[in-house]
Protein backbone atom coordinates (compact mmCIF):
# COMPACT_ATOMS: atom_id res chain seq x y z
CA UNK A 1 80.10 143.20 125.03
CA UNK A 2 81.76 139.81 125.46
CA UNK A 3 85.30 138.94 126.39
CA UNK A 4 87.65 138.31 123.47
CA UNK A 5 87.53 134.74 122.24
CA UNK A 6 91.21 134.29 123.04
CA UNK A 7 90.48 134.68 126.77
CA UNK A 8 87.51 132.32 126.59
CA UNK A 9 89.55 129.65 124.79
CA UNK A 10 92.40 130.07 127.26
CA UNK A 11 90.08 129.46 130.22
CA UNK A 12 87.75 126.81 128.81
CA UNK A 13 89.94 124.83 126.43
CA UNK A 14 93.53 124.73 127.68
CA UNK A 15 96.14 123.48 125.24
CA UNK A 16 93.54 122.93 122.51
CA UNK A 17 95.83 124.25 119.82
CA UNK A 18 98.45 121.64 120.72
CA UNK A 19 96.09 118.64 120.93
CA UNK A 20 93.63 119.40 118.15
CA UNK A 21 93.84 118.31 114.53
CA UNK A 22 92.75 121.87 113.76
CA UNK A 23 95.67 123.30 115.74
CA UNK A 24 96.85 125.71 113.03
CA UNK A 25 93.32 126.96 112.36
CA UNK A 26 92.68 127.56 116.05
CA UNK A 27 96.02 129.34 116.49
CA UNK A 28 95.21 131.66 113.57
CA UNK A 29 91.70 132.27 114.88
CA UNK A 30 92.99 133.10 118.37
CA UNK A 31 95.64 135.40 116.89
CA UNK A 32 92.97 137.34 115.00
CA UNK A 33 90.22 137.08 117.63
CA UNK A 34 89.75 140.85 117.63
CA UNK A 35 88.04 140.39 114.25
CA UNK A 36 85.52 137.91 115.66
CA UNK A 37 82.70 139.75 117.38
CA UNK A 38 79.73 137.97 118.88
CA UNK A 39 76.46 139.80 118.13
CA UNK A 40 74.54 141.15 121.13
CA UNK A 41 71.58 138.82 120.46
CA UNK A 42 73.74 135.74 121.09
CA UNK A 43 74.32 134.26 124.54
CA UNK A 44 78.13 134.51 124.53
CA UNK A 45 78.48 132.33 127.64
CA UNK A 46 77.18 129.36 125.64
CA UNK A 47 79.29 129.63 122.47
CA UNK A 48 80.65 126.21 121.51
CA UNK A 49 82.98 124.99 118.78
CA UNK A 50 81.82 121.90 116.89
CA UNK A 51 84.01 119.97 114.47
CA UNK A 52 82.24 118.91 111.27
CA UNK A 53 84.41 116.05 110.02
CA UNK A 54 82.32 115.45 106.90
CA UNK A 55 82.78 118.99 105.56
CA UNK A 56 86.10 119.55 107.39
CA UNK A 57 84.90 122.68 109.14
CA UNK A 58 85.01 124.17 112.62
CA UNK A 59 81.58 125.62 113.40
CA UNK A 60 80.85 128.04 116.25
CA UNK A 61 77.33 127.68 117.64
CA UNK A 62 75.35 129.46 120.35
CA UNK A 63 71.69 129.81 121.28
CA UNK A 64 69.98 133.16 120.89
CA UNK A 65 69.26 135.11 124.06
CA UNK A 66 65.64 134.70 125.16
CA UNK A 67 63.49 137.77 124.60
CA UNK A 68 63.11 138.37 128.36
CA UNK A 69 66.89 138.82 128.66
CA UNK A 70 67.22 141.13 125.66
CA UNK A 71 64.61 143.60 126.92
CA UNK A 72 66.48 144.26 130.20
């Protein structure tokens, strides 16, 4: 399975909770990251957070793993 999101955020996005407008949301999400599981069909190395300013949402996106990778 994948590493917990807290570790991924700590490595890839240092100090994001302090600099982001969504600081409180990110802090709560990192605190409860054990509840966020990435399905096996998703390439967890390419998960990205996108801010949707129109709808005021933080959206996590990732491409699906290609079928050649899932069969192995």
